[in-house]
Amino acid sequence: MTITPEHNERMAKMTLASIYPLYVTKVERKGRTKAELDQVIQWLTGFDEAKIRSLIDENATFGKLFDQAQLNPNAHLITGVICGYRIEEIENPLTRKIRYLDKLVDELAKGKKLEKILRTS
């Protein structure tokens, strides 16, 4: 699938406050916890729970979130297809980071072990 500039812009303007509840619903429906979701987000972004809450409260966009994030050095190990896009082929850095997060949430919802999701040895 081809990613257009409009798609990239739409992704950058999405807010964590609008997407986070969807993530929570997705993982809880599959028997995982909000705490596990937060752990995955913390691993990817370097934010603690208080910072995540603050970004949600201020209605921060994904653009702002990933501008402030210290991406995990192993984030490049997140590969595969999410929402019809092969992550490693996404050229726009911000869109790739957002899809990293989508992929991690998807793996959590599918029951993958946290050690595998967090790319630890």
PDB file of N, CA and C in Angstrom:
ATOM      1  N   MET A   1       0.832  -1.179   0.000  1.00  0.00           N
ATOM      2  CA  MET A   1       0.000   0.000   0.000  1.00  0.00           C
ATOM      3  C   MET A   1       0.881   1.249   0.000  1.00  0.00           C
ATOM      4  N   THR A   2       0.413   2.275  -0.641  1.00  0.00           N
ATOM      5  CA  THR A   2       1.146   3.524  -0.713  1.00  0.00           C
ATOM      6  C   THR A   2       0.649   4.477   0.361  1.00  0.00           C
ATOM      7  N   ILE A   3       1.570   5.100   1.040  1.00  0.00           N
ATOM      8  CA  ILE A   3       1.222   6.074   2.067  1.00  0.00           C
ATOM      9  C   ILE A   3       1.355   7.462   1.460  1.00  0.00           C
ATOM     10  N   THR A   4       0.265   8.229   1.537  1.00  0.00           N
ATOM     11  CA  THR A   4       0.250   9.574   0.962  1.00  0.00           C
ATOM     12  C   THR A   4       0.662  10.610   2.010  1.00  0.00           C
ATOM     13  N   PRO A   5       1.069  11.791   1.545  1.00  0.00           N
ATOM     14  CA  PRO A   5       1.377  12.870   2.502  1.00  0.00           C
ATOM     15  C   PRO A   5       0.167  13.213   3.382  1.00  0.00           C
ATOM     16  N   GLU A   6      -1.023  13.118   2.818  1.00  0.00           N
ATOM     17  CA  GLU A   6      -2.242  13.395   3.585  1.00  0.00           C
ATOM     18  C   GLU A   6      -2.406  12.381   4.720  1.00  0.00           C
ATOM     19  N   HIS A   7      -2.097  11.125   4.422  1.00  0.00           N
ATOM     20  CA  HIS A   7      -2.162  10.070   5.441  1.00  0.00           C
ATOM     21  C   HIS A   7      -1.183  10.367   6.570  1.00  0.00           C
ATOM     22  N   ASN A   8       0.046  10.740   6.212  1.00  0.00           N
ATOM     23  CA  ASN A   8       1.064  11.064   7.216  1.00  0.00           C
ATOM     24  C   ASN A   8       0.616  12.237   8.089  1.00  0.00           C
ATOM     25  N   GLU A   9       0.027  13.249   7.461  1.00  0.00           N
ATOM     26  CA  GLU A   9      -0.431  14.425   8.197  1.00  0.00           C
ATOM     27  C   GLU A   9      -1.577  14.069   9.144  1.00  0.00           C
ATOM     28  N   ARG A  10      -2.499  13.251   8.677  1.00  0.00           N
ATOM     29  CA  ARG A  10      -3.626  12.817   9.505  1.00  0.00           C
ATOM     30  C   ARG A  10      -3.121  12.027  10.723  1.00  0.00           C
ATOM     31  N   MET A  11      -2.144  11.159  10.502  1.00  0.00           N
ATOM     32  CA  MET A  11      -1.569  10.372  11.594  1.00  0.00           C
ATOM     33  C   MET A  11      -0.903  11.298  12.623  1.00  0.00           C
ATOM     34  N   ALA A  12      -0.160  12.286  12.160  1.00  0.00           N
ATOM     35  CA  ALA A  12       0.553  13.203  13.054  1.00  0.00           C
ATOM     36  C   ALA A  12      -0.408  14.009  13.916  1.00  0.00           C
ATOM     37  N   LYS A  13      -1.599  14.304  13.392  1.00  0.00           N
ATOM     38  CA  LYS A  13      -2.563  15.136  14.114  1.00  0.00           C
ATOM     39  C   LYS A  13      -3.465  14.347  15.060  1.00  0.00           C
ATOM     40  N   MET A  14      -3.442  13.013  14.984  1.00  0.00           N
ATOM     41  CA  MET A  14      -4.246  12.214  15.909  1.00  0.00           C
ATOM     42  C   MET A  14      -3.722  12.457  17.320  1.00  0.00           C
ATOM     43  N   THR A  15      -4.629  12.401  18.283  1.00  0.00           N
ATOM     44  CA  THR A  15      -4.208  12.629  19.668  1.00  0.00           C
ATOM     45  C   THR A  15      -4.135  11.317  20.429  1.00  0.00           C
ATOM     46  N   LEU A  16      -3.224  11.280  21.385  1.00  0.00           N
ATOM     47  CA  LEU A  16      -3.107  10.117  22.248  1.00  0.00           C
ATOM     48  C   LEU A  16      -4.403   9.941  23.045  1.00  0.00           C
ATOM     49  N   ALA A  17      -5.021  11.052  23.436  1.00  0.00           N
ATOM     50  CA  ALA A  17      -6.270  10.989  24.204  1.00  0.00           C
ATOM     51  C   ALA A  17      -7.381  10.290  23.426  1.00  0.00           C
ATOM     52  N   SER A  18      -7.400  10.433  22.116  1.00  0.00           N
ATOM     53  CA  SER A  18      -8.453   9.794  21.316  1.00  0.00           C
ATOM     54  C   SER A  18      -8.153   8.323  21.033  1.00  0.00           C
ATOM     55  N   ILE A  19      -6.885   7.948  20.979  1.00  0.00           N
ATOM     56  CA  ILE A  19      -6.498   6.586  20.614  1.00  0.00           C
ATOM     57  C   ILE A  19      -6.278   5.689  21.840  1.00  0.00           C
ATOM     58  N   TYR A  20      -5.783   6.260  22.929  1.00  0.00           N
ATOM     59  CA  TYR A  20      -5.473   5.466  24.118  1.00  0.00           C
ATOM     60  C   TYR A  20      -6.655   4.626  24.608  1.00  0.00           C
ATOM     61  N   PRO A  21      -7.870   5.204  24.712  1.00  0.00           N
ATOM     62  CA  PRO A  21      -9.005   4.369  25.157  1.00  0.00           C
ATOM     63  C   PRO A  21      -9.280   3.192  24.213  1.00  0.00           C
ATOM     64  N   LEU A  22      -9.018   3.383  22.930  1.00  0.00           N
ATOM     65  CA  LEU A  22      -9.195   2.288  21.964  1.00  0.00           C
ATOM     66  C   LEU A  22      -8.162   1.189  22.209  1.00  0.00           C
ATOM     67  N   TYR A  23      -6.940   1.593  22.508  1.00  0.00           N
ATOM     68  CA  TYR A  23      -5.898   0.625  22.852  1.00  0.00           C
ATOM     69  C   TYR A  23      -6.291  -0.165  24.100  1.00  0.00           C
ATOM     70  N   VAL A  24      -6.759   0.552  25.133  1.00  0.00           N
ATOM     71  CA  VAL A  24      -7.154  -0.099  26.392  1.00  0.00           C
ATOM     72  C   VAL A  24      -8.258  -1.120  26.128  1.00  0.00           C
ATOM     73  N   THR A  25      -9.274  -0.702  25.394  1.00  0.00           N
ATOM     74  CA  THR A  25     -10.386  -1.607  25.069  1.00  0.00           C
ATOM     75  C   THR A  25      -9.890  -2.835  24.330  1.00  0.00           C
ATOM     76  N   LYS A  26      -9.011  -2.621  23.361  1.00  0.00           N
ATOM     77  CA  LYS A  26      -8.498  -3.738  22.555  1.00  0.00           C
ATOM     78  C   LYS A  26      -7.752  -4.753  23.411  1.00  0.00           C
ATOM     79  N   VAL A  27      -6.850  -4.279  24.262  1.00  0.00           N
ATOM     80  CA  VAL A  27      -6.051  -5.228  25.040  1.00  0.00           C
ATOM     81  C   VAL A  27      -6.873  -5.878  26.152  1.00  0.00           C
ATOM     82  N   GLU A  28      -7.761  -5.119  26.779  1.00  0.00           N
ATOM     83  CA  GLU A  28      -8.583  -5.698  27.856  1.00  0.00           C
ATOM     84  C   GLU A  28      -9.568  -6.731  27.326  1.00  0.00           C
ATOM     85  N   ARG A  29     -10.081  -6.491  26.133  1.00  0.00           N
ATOM     86  CA  ARG A  29     -11.002  -7.448  25.505  1.00  0.00           C
ATOM     87  C   ARG A  29     -10.309  -8.792  25.269  1.00  0.00           C
ATOM     88  N   LYS A  30      -9.000  -8.742  25.114  1.00  0.00           N
ATOM     89  CA  LYS A  30      -8.225  -9.962  24.869  1.00  0.00           C
ATOM     90  C   LYS A  30      -7.551 -10.497  26.128  1.00  0.00           C
ATOM     91  N   GLY A  31      -7.971  -9.975  27.310  1.00  0.00           N
ATOM     92  CA  GLY A  31      -7.462 -10.518  28.565  1.00  0.00           C
ATOM     93  C   GLY A  31      -6.165  -9.909  29.066  1.00  0.00           C
ATOM     94  N   ARG A  32      -5.708  -8.839  28.443  1.00  0.00           N
ATOM     95  CA  ARG A  32      -4.497  -8.165  28.927  1.00  0.00           C
ATOM     96  C   ARG A  32      -4.904  -6.969  29.776  1.00  0.00           C
ATOM     97  N   THR A  33      -3.939  -6.301  30.399  1.00  0.00           N
ATOM     98  CA  THR A  33      -4.266  -5.220  31.320  1.00  0.00           C
ATOM     99  C   THR A  33      -3.778  -3.862  30.816  1.00  0.00           C
ATOM    100  N   LYS A  34      -4.389  -2.818  31.402  1.00  0.00           N
ATOM    101  CA  LYS A  34      -3.977  -1.455  31.110  1.00  0.00           C
ATOM    102  C   LYS A  34      -2.529  -1.252  31.564  1.00  0.00           C
ATOM    103  N   ALA A  35      -2.144  -1.884  32.665  1.00  0.00           N
ATOM    104  CA  ALA A  35      -0.767  -1.780  33.161  1.00  0.00           C
ATOM    105  C   ALA A  35       0.225  -2.346  32.135  1.00  0.00           C
ATOM    106  N   GLU A  36      -0.138  -3.448  31.496  1.00  0.00           N
ATOM    107  CA  GLU A  36       0.735  -4.024  30.461  1.00  0.00           C
ATOM    108  C   GLU A  36       0.817  -3.078  29.264  1.00  0.00           C
ATOM    109  N   LEU A  37      -0.318  -2.473  28.905  1.00  0.00           N
ATOM    110  CA  LEU A  37      -0.320  -1.502  27.807  1.00  0.00           C
ATOM    111  C   LEU A  37       0.614  -0.345  28.138  1.00  0.00           C
ATOM    112  N   ASP A  38       0.492   0.184  29.352  1.00  0.00           N
ATOM    113  CA  ASP A  38       1.362   1.293  29.761  1.00  0.00           C
ATOM    114  C   ASP A  38       2.829   0.889  29.736  1.00  0.00           C
ATOM    115  N   GLN A  39       3.112  -0.347  30.126  1.00  0.00           N
ATOM    116  CA  GLN A  39       4.489  -0.839  30.099  1.00  0.00           C
ATOM    117  C   GLN A  39       5.032  -0.851  28.667  1.00  0.00           C
ATOM    118  N   VAL A  40       4.212  -1.259  27.732  1.00  0.00           N
ATOM    119  CA  VAL A  40       4.611  -1.290  26.318  1.00  0.00           C
ATOM    120  C   VAL A  40       4.871   0.131  25.810  1.00  0.00           C
ATOM    121  N   ILE A  41       3.970   1.058  26.156  1.00  0.00           N
ATOM    122  CA  ILE A  41       4.146   2.455  25.728  1.00  0.00           C
ATOM    123  C   ILE A  41       5.408   3.036  26.360  1.00  0.00           C
ATOM    124  N   GLN A  42       5.637   2.736  27.637  1.00  0.00           N
ATOM    125  CA  GLN A  42       6.835   3.223  28.324  1.00  0.00           C
ATOM    126  C   GLN A  42       8.100   2.681  27.673  1.00  0.00           C
ATOM    127  N   TRP A  43       8.079   1.401  27.303  1.00  0.00           N
ATOM    128  CA  TRP A  43       9.253   0.800  26.667  1.00  0.00           C
ATOM    129  C   TRP A  43       9.576   1.521  25.358  1.00  0.00           C
ATOM    130  N   LEU A  44       8.545   1.790  24.553  1.00  0.00           N
ATOM    131  CA  LEU A  44       8.772   2.403  23.245  1.00  0.00           C
ATOM    132  C   LEU A  44       9.199   3.865  23.362  1.00  0.00           C
ATOM    133  N   THR A  45       8.522   4.629  24.229  1.00  0.00           N
ATOM    134  CA  THR A  45       8.711   6.083  24.256  1.00  0.00           C
ATOM    135  C   THR A  45       9.698   6.584  25.302  1.00  0.00           C
ATOM    136  N   GLY A  46       9.932   5.788  26.340  1.00  0.00           N
ATOM    137  CA  GLY A  46      10.767   6.243  27.441  1.00  0.00           C
ATOM    138  C   GLY A  46      10.003   7.068  28.468  1.00  0.00           C
ATOM    139  N   PHE A  47       8.703   7.274  28.280  1.00  0.00           N
ATOM    140  CA  PHE A  47       7.891   8.050  29.217  1.00  0.00           C
ATOM    141  C   PHE A  47       7.460   7.198  30.398  1.00  0.00           C
ATOM    142  N   ASP A  48       7.406   7.820  31.582  1.00  0.00           N
ATOM    143  CA  ASP A  48       6.838   7.128  32.730  1.00  0.00           C
ATOM    144  C   ASP A  48       5.313   7.315  32.710  1.00  0.00           C
ATOM    145  N   GLU A  49       4.648   6.661  33.650  1.00  0.00           N
ATOM    146  CA  GLU A  49       3.177   6.702  33.670  1.00  0.00           C
ATOM    147  C   GLU A  49       2.651   8.127  33.823  1.00  0.00           C
ATOM    148  N   ALA A  50       3.300   8.939  34.650  1.00  0.00           N
ATOM    149  CA  ALA A  50       2.862  10.323  34.866  1.00  0.00           C
ATOM    150  C   ALA A  50       2.942  11.134  33.566  1.00  0.00           C
ATOM    151  N   LYS A  51       4.000  10.931  32.800  1.00  0.00           N
ATOM    152  CA  LYS A  51       4.162  11.661  31.531  1.00  0.00           C
ATOM    153  C   LYS A  51       3.101  11.218  30.521  1.00  0.00           C
ATOM    154  N   ILE A  52       2.817   9.936  30.477  1.00  0.00           N
ATOM    155  CA  ILE A  52       1.782   9.439  29.567  1.00  0.00           C
ATOM    156  C   ILE A  52       0.446  10.093  29.929  1.00  0.00           C
ATOM    157  N   ARG A  53       0.098  10.109  31.227  1.00  0.00           N
ATOM    158  CA  ARG A  53      -1.158  10.731  31.682  1.00  0.00           C
ATOM    159  C   ARG A  53      -1.184  12.212  31.319  1.00  0.00           C
ATOM    160  N   SER A  54      -0.055  12.880  31.505  1.00  0.00           N
ATOM    161  CA  SER A  54      -0.002  14.312  31.191  1.00  0.00           C
ATOM    162  C   SER A  54      -0.213  14.569  29.694  1.00  0.00           C
ATOM    163  N   LEU A  55       0.359  13.734  28.841  1.00  0.00           N
ATOM    164  CA  LEU A  55       0.158  13.880  27.391  1.00  0.00           C
ATOM    165  C   LEU A  55      -1.300  13.624  27.009  1.00  0.00           C
ATOM    166  N   ILE A  56      -1.934  12.668  27.680  1.00  0.00           N
ATOM    167  CA  ILE A  56      -3.350  12.398  27.433  1.00  0.00           C
ATOM    168  C   ILE A  56      -4.178  13.595  27.883  1.00  0.00           C
ATOM    169  N   ASP A  57      -3.903  14.116  29.078  1.00  0.00           N
ATOM    170  CA  ASP A  57      -4.661  15.239  29.633  1.00  0.00           C
ATOM    171  C   ASP A  57      -4.541  16.501  28.788  1.00  0.00           C
ATOM    172  N   GLU A  58      -3.360  16.723  28.211  1.00  0.00           N
ATOM    173  CA  GLU A  58      -3.174  17.932  27.402  1.00  0.00           C
ATOM    174  C   GLU A  58      -3.574  17.729  25.943  1.00  0.00           C
ATOM    175  N   ASN A  59      -4.123  16.539  25.633  1.00  0.00           N
ATOM    176  CA  ASN A  59      -4.606  16.247  24.283  1.00  0.00           C
ATOM    177  C   ASN A  59      -3.478  16.357  23.246  1.00  0.00           C
ATOM    178  N   ALA A  60      -2.296  15.866  23.607  1.00  0.00           N
ATOM    179  CA  ALA A  60      -1.116  15.938  22.747  1.00  0.00           C
ATOM    180  C   ALA A  60      -1.299  15.080  21.499  1.00  0.00           C
ATOM    181  N   THR A  61      -0.822  15.586  20.388  1.00  0.00           N
ATOM    182  CA  THR A  61      -0.860  14.831  19.135  1.00  0.00           C
ATOM    183  C   THR A  61       0.258  13.796  19.134  1.00  0.00           C
ATOM    184  N   PHE A  62       0.147  12.835  18.216  1.00  0.00           N
ATOM    185  CA  PHE A  62       1.226  11.863  18.074  1.00  0.00           C
ATOM    186  C   PHE A  62       2.502  12.559  17.616  1.00  0.00           C
ATOM    187  N   GLY A  63       2.357  13.638  16.841  1.00  0.00           N
ATOM    188  CA  GLY A  63       3.526  14.411  16.435  1.00  0.00           C
ATOM    189  C   GLY A  63       4.287  14.925  17.646  1.00  0.00           C
ATOM    190  N   LYS A  64       3.551  15.530  18.599  1.00  0.00           N
ATOM    191  CA  LYS A  64       4.181  16.058  19.815  1.00  0.00           C
ATOM    192  C   LYS A  64       4.717  14.922  20.676  1.00  0.00           C
ATOM    193  N   LEU A  65       3.945  13.861  20.823  1.00  0.00           N
ATOM    194  CA  LEU A  65       4.362  12.722  21.641  1.00  0.00           C
ATOM    195  C   LEU A  65       5.708  12.189  21.169  1.00  0.00           C
ATOM    196  N   PHE A  66       5.828  11.921  19.872  1.00  0.00           N
ATOM    197  CA  PHE A  66       7.071  11.325  19.382  1.00  0.00           C
ATOM    198  C   PHE A  66       8.201  12.340  19.222  1.00  0.00           C
ATOM    199  N   ASP A  67       7.869  13.641  19.187  1.00  0.00           N
ATOM    200  CA  ASP A  67       8.927  14.659  19.227  1.00  0.00           C
ATOM    201  C   ASP A  67       9.629  14.631  20.578  1.00  0.00           C
ATOM    202  N   GLN A  68       8.854  14.383  21.632  1.00  0.00           N
ATOM    203  CA  GLN A  68       9.397  14.385  22.990  1.00  0.00           C
ATOM    204  C   GLN A  68       9.957  13.025  23.414  1.00  0.00           C
ATOM    205  N   ALA A  69       9.567  11.980  22.734  1.00  0.00           N
ATOM    206  CA  ALA A  69       9.943  10.618  23.134  1.00  0.00           C
ATOM    207  C   ALA A  69      11.417  10.325  22.859  1.00  0.00           C
ATOM    208  N   GLN A  70      11.978   9.491  23.725  1.00  0.00           N
ATOM    209  CA  GLN A  70      13.297   8.914  23.494  1.00  0.00           C
ATOM    210  C   GLN A  70      13.030   7.483  23.057  1.00  0.00           C
ATOM    211  N   LEU A  71      12.944   7.256  21.764  1.00  0.00           N
ATOM    212  CA  LEU A  71      12.582   5.943  21.241  1.00  0.00           C
ATOM    213  C   LEU A  71      13.565   4.875  21.726  1.00  0.00           C
ATOM    214  N   ASN A  72      13.024   3.744  22.129  1.00  0.00           N
ATOM    215  CA  ASN A  72      13.850   2.638  22.590  1.00  0.00           C
ATOM    216  C   ASN A  72      14.842   2.254  21.490  1.00  0.00           C
ATOM    217  N   PRO A  73      16.111   2.004  21.843  1.00  0.00           N
ATOM    218  CA  PRO A  73      17.110   1.646  20.828  1.00  0.00           C
ATOM    219  C   PRO A  73      16.766   0.360  20.070  1.00  0.00           C
ATOM    220  N   ASN A  74      15.920  -0.490  20.643  1.00  0.00           N
ATOM    221  CA  ASN A  74      15.528  -1.722  19.950  1.00  0.00           C
ATOM    222  C   ASN A  74      14.241  -1.579  19.148  1.00  0.00           C
ATOM    223  N   ALA A  75      13.735  -0.363  19.023  1.00  0.00           N
ATOM    224  CA  ALA A  75      12.488  -0.160  18.280  1.00  0.00           C
ATOM    225  C   ALA A  75      12.611  -0.622  16.825  1.00  0.00           C
ATOM    226  N   HIS A  76      13.804  -0.516  16.271  1.00  0.00           N
ATOM    227  CA  HIS A  76      13.999  -0.933  14.877  1.00  0.00           C
ATOM    228  C   HIS A  76      13.742  -2.435  14.677  1.00  0.00           C
ATOM    229  N   LEU A  77      13.693  -3.187  15.781  1.00  0.00           N
ATOM    230  CA  LEU A  77      13.415  -4.623  15.694  1.00  0.00           C
ATOM    231  C   LEU A  77      11.925  -4.917  15.493  1.00  0.00           C
ATOM    232  N   ILE A  78      11.096  -3.884  15.591  1.00  0.00           N
ATOM    233  CA  ILE A  78       9.655  -4.054  15.378  1.00  0.00           C
ATOM    234  C   ILE A  78       9.424  -4.075  13.875  1.00  0.00           C
ATOM    235  N   THR A  79       9.026  -5.229  13.377  1.00  0.00           N
ATOM    236  CA  THR A  79       8.807  -5.398  11.943  1.00  0.00           C
ATOM    237  C   THR A  79       7.476  -6.103  11.717  1.00  0.00           C
ATOM    238  N   GLY A  80       7.101  -6.192  10.470  1.00  0.00           N
ATOM    239  CA  GLY A  80       5.876  -6.899  10.124  1.00  0.00           C
ATOM    240  C   GLY A  80       4.847  -5.967   9.522  1.00  0.00           C
ATOM    241  N   VAL A  81       3.642  -6.479   9.391  1.00  0.00           N
ATOM    242  CA  VAL A  81       2.562  -5.729   8.763  1.00  0.00           C
ATOM    243  C   VAL A  81       1.556  -5.318   9.825  1.00  0.00           C
ATOM    244  N   ILE A  82       1.160  -4.040   9.762  1.00  0.00           N
ATOM    245  CA  ILE A  82       0.106  -3.532  10.631  1.00  0.00           C
ATOM    246  C   ILE A  82      -0.766  -2.593   9.799  1.00  0.00           C
ATOM    247  N   CYS A  83      -2.061  -2.819   9.868  1.00  0.00           N
ATOM    248  CA  CYS A  83      -3.035  -2.014   9.123  1.00  0.00           C
ATOM    249  C   CYS A  83      -2.720  -2.005   7.623  1.00  0.00           C
ATOM    250  N   GLY A  84      -2.194  -3.096   7.129  1.00  0.00           N
ATOM    251  CA  GLY A  84      -1.907  -3.220   5.699  1.00  0.00           C
ATOM    252  C   GLY A  84      -0.576  -2.636   5.255  1.00  0.00           C
ATOM    253  N   TYR A  85       0.200  -2.115   6.182  1.00  0.00           N
ATOM    254  CA  TYR A  85       1.487  -1.501   5.848  1.00  0.00           C
ATOM    255  C   TYR A  85       2.621  -2.295   6.468  1.00  0.00           C
ATOM    256  N   ARG A  86       3.666  -2.556   5.671  1.00  0.00           N
ATOM    257  CA  ARG A  86       4.865  -3.202   6.198  1.00  0.00           C
ATOM    258  C   ARG A  86       5.682  -2.114   6.891  1.00  0.00           C
ATOM    259  N   ILE A  87       5.857  -2.264   8.187  1.00  0.00           N
ATOM    260  CA  ILE A  87       6.478  -1.228   9.009  1.00  0.00           C
ATOM    261  C   ILE A  87       7.856  -0.814   8.500  1.00  0.00           C
ATOM    262  N   GLU A  88       8.672  -1.791   8.173  1.00  0.00           N
ATOM    263  CA  GLU A  88      10.047  -1.467   7.766  1.00  0.00           C
ATOM    264  C   GLU A  88      10.130  -0.743   6.423  1.00  0.00           C
ATOM    265  N   GLU A  89       9.017  -0.660   5.683  1.00  0.00           N
ATOM    266  CA  GLU A  89       9.003   0.041   4.404  1.00  0.00           C
ATOM    267  C   GLU A  89       8.403   1.439   4.496  1.00  0.00           C
ATOM    268  N   ILE A  90       7.917   1.833   5.667  1.00  0.00           N
ATOM    269  CA  ILE A  90       7.330   3.163   5.839  1.00  0.00           C
ATOM    270  C   ILE A  90       8.452   4.195   5.876  1.00  0.00           C
ATOM    271  N   GLU A  91       8.393   5.135   4.953  1.00  0.00           N
ATOM    272  CA  GLU A  91       9.475   6.113   4.817  1.00  0.00           C
ATOM    273  C   GLU A  91       9.375   7.260   5.810  1.00  0.00           C
ATOM    274  N   ASN A  92       8.164   7.725   6.104  1.00  0.00           N
ATOM    275  CA  ASN A  92       7.984   8.848   7.017  1.00  0.00           C
ATOM    276  C   ASN A  92       8.308   8.400   8.444  1.00  0.00           C
ATOM    277  N   PRO A  93       9.309   9.025   9.081  1.00  0.00           N
ATOM    278  CA  PRO A  93       9.734   8.570  10.417  1.00  0.00           C
ATOM    279  C   PRO A  93       8.615   8.613  11.468  1.00  0.00           C
ATOM    280  N   LEU A  94       7.790   9.654  11.458  1.00  0.00           N
ATOM    281  CA  LEU A  94       6.724   9.752  12.445  1.00  0.00           C
ATOM    282  C   LEU A  94       5.678   8.661  12.224  1.00  0.00           C
ATOM    283  N   THR A  95       5.277   8.453  10.999  1.00  0.00           N
ATOM    284  CA  THR A  95       4.293   7.412  10.701  1.00  0.00           C
ATOM    285  C   THR A  95       4.844   6.048  11.097  1.00  0.00           C
ATOM    286  N   ARG A  96       6.132   5.804  10.864  1.00  0.00           N
ATOM    287  CA  ARG A  96       6.749   4.539  11.253  1.00  0.00           C
ATOM    288  C   ARG A  96       6.684   4.363  12.773  1.00  0.00           C
ATOM    289  N   LYS A  97       6.967   5.422  13.533  1.00  0.00           N
ATOM    290  CA  LYS A  97       6.919   5.341  14.995  1.00  0.00           C
ATOM    291  C   LYS A  97       5.499   5.055  15.487  1.00  0.00           C
ATOM    292  N   ILE A  98       4.518   5.686  14.875  1.00  0.00           N
ATOM    293  CA  ILE A  98       3.124   5.442  15.253  1.00  0.00           C
ATOM    294  C   ILE A  98       2.764   3.989  14.963  1.00  0.00           C
ATOM    295  N   ARG A  99       3.201   3.475  13.840  1.00  0.00           N
ATOM    296  CA  ARG A  99       2.925   2.073  13.497  1.00  0.00           C
ATOM    297  C   ARG A  99       3.694   1.118  14.404  1.00  0.00           C
ATOM    298  N   TYR A 100       4.867   1.534  14.897  1.00  0.00           N
ATOM    299  CA  TYR A 100       5.565   0.723  15.903  1.00  0.00           C
ATOM    300  C   TYR A 100       4.632   0.519  17.094  1.00  0.00           C
ATOM    301  N   LEU A 101       4.050   1.621  17.562  1.00  0.00           N
ATOM    302  CA  LEU A 101       3.149   1.548  18.708  1.00  0.00           C
ATOM    303  C   LEU A 101       1.941   0.675  18.397  1.00  0.00           C
ATOM    304  N   ASP A 102       1.353   0.858  17.224  1.00  0.00           N
ATOM    305  CA  ASP A 102       0.209   0.025  16.815  1.00  0.00           C
ATOM    306  C   ASP A 102       0.574  -1.454  16.833  1.00  0.00           C
ATOM    307  N   LYS A 103       1.754  -1.766  16.334  1.00  0.00           N
ATOM    308  CA  LYS A 103       2.197  -3.164  16.259  1.00  0.00           C
ATOM    309  C   LYS A 103       2.389  -3.745  17.658  1.00  0.00           C
ATOM    310  N   LEU A 104       2.977  -2.976  18.561  1.00  0.00           N
ATOM    311  CA  LEU A 104       3.179  -3.451  19.920  1.00  0.00           C
ATOM    312  C   LEU A 104       1.840  -3.711  20.614  1.00  0.00           C
ATOM    313  N   VAL A 105       0.883  -2.811  20.426  1.00  0.00           N
ATOM    314  CA  VAL A 105      -0.447  -2.993  21.015  1.00  0.00           C
ATOM    315  C   VAL A 105      -1.112  -4.229  20.416  1.00  0.00           C
ATOM    316  N   ASP A 106      -0.956  -4.411  19.124  1.00  0.00           N
ATOM    317  CA  ASP A 106      -1.521  -5.579  18.452  1.00  0.00           C
ATOM    318  C   ASP A 106      -0.911  -6.871  19.004  1.00  0.00           C
ATOM    319  N   GLU A 107       0.397  -6.891  19.177  1.00  0.00           N
ATOM    320  CA  GLU A 107       1.075  -8.072  19.731  1.00  0.00           C
ATOM    321  C   GLU A 107       0.599  -8.359  21.152  1.00  0.00           C
ATOM    322  N   LEU A 108       0.411  -7.313  21.937  1.00  0.00           N
ATOM    323  CA  LEU A 108      -0.085  -7.478  23.304  1.00  0.00           C
ATOM    324  C   LEU A 108      -1.486  -8.089  23.283  1.00  0.00           C
ATOM    325  N   ALA A 109      -2.343  -7.565  22.424  1.00  0.00           N
ATOM    326  CA  ALA A 109      -3.716  -8.067  22.327  1.00  0.00           C
ATOM    327  C   ALA A 109      -3.760  -9.507  21.820  1.00  0.00           C
ATOM    328  N   LYS A 110      -2.783  -9.884  21.029  1.00  0.00           N
ATOM    329  CA  LYS A 110      -2.760 -11.253  20.494  1.00  0.00           C
ATOM    330  C   LYS A 110      -2.176 -12.266  21.478  1.00  0.00           C
ATOM    331  N   GLY A 111      -1.773 -11.783  22.663  1.00  0.00           N
ATOM    332  CA  GLY A 111      -1.315 -12.700  23.696  1.00  0.00           C
ATOM    333  C   GLY A 111       0.164 -13.005  23.696  1.00  0.00           C
ATOM    334  N   LYS A 112       0.934 -12.272  22.933  1.00  0.00           N
ATOM    335  CA  LYS A 112       2.375 -12.489  22.921  1.00  0.00           C
ATOM    336  C   LYS A 112       2.960 -12.175  24.295  1.00  0.00           C
ATOM    337  N   LYS A 113       3.991 -12.883  24.683  1.00  0.00           N
ATOM    338  CA  LYS A 113       4.649 -12.644  25.968  1.00  0.00           C
ATOM    339  C   LYS A 113       5.323 -11.270  25.960  1.00  0.00           C
ATOM    340  N   LEU A 114       5.276 -10.601  27.112  1.00  0.00           N
ATOM    341  CA  LEU A 114       5.871  -9.267  27.215  1.00  0.00           C
ATOM    342  C   LEU A 114       7.348  -9.257  26.852  1.00  0.00           C
ATOM    343  N   GLU A 115       8.083 -10.308  27.212  1.00  0.00           N
ATOM    344  CA  GLU A 115       9.510 -10.362  26.877  1.00  0.00           C
ATOM    345  C   GLU A 115       9.715 -10.289  25.365  1.00  0.00           C
ATOM    346  N   LYS A 116       8.839 -10.923  24.618  1.00  0.00           N
ATOM    347  CA  LYS A 116       8.939 -10.900  23.146  1.00  0.00           C
ATOM    348  C   LYS A 116       8.527  -9.535  22.612  1.00  0.00           C
ATOM    349  N   ILE A 117       7.439  -8.992  23.162  1.00  0.00           N
ATOM    350  CA  ILE A 117       6.948  -7.685  22.705  1.00  0.00           C
ATOM    351  C   ILE A 117       8.005  -6.619  22.936  1.00  0.00           C
ATOM    352  N   LEU A 118       8.670  -6.679  24.087  1.00  0.00           N
ATOM    353  CA  LEU A 118       9.657  -5.661  24.446  1.00  0.00           C
ATOM    354  C   LEU A 118      11.039  -5.952  23.880  1.00  0.00           C
ATOM    355  N   ARG A 119      11.097  -6.946  23.022  1.00  0.00           N
ATOM    356  CA  ARG A 119      12.340  -7.303  22.307  1.00  0.00           C
ATOM    357  C   ARG A 119      13.522  -7.463  23.254  1.00  0.00           C
ATOM    358  N   THR A 120      13.306  -8.232  24.355  1.00  0.00           N
ATOM    359  CA  THR A 120      14.392  -8.528  25.278  1.00  0.00           C
ATOM    360  C   THR A 120      14.913  -9.928  25.008  1.00  0.00           C
ATOM    361  N   SER A 121      16.144 -10.161  25.373  1.00  0.00           N
ATOM    362  CA  SER A 121      16.745 -11.473  25.110  1.00  0.00           C
ATOM    363  C   SER A 121      16.242 -12.507  26.070  1.00  0.00           C
TER     364      SER A 121
END
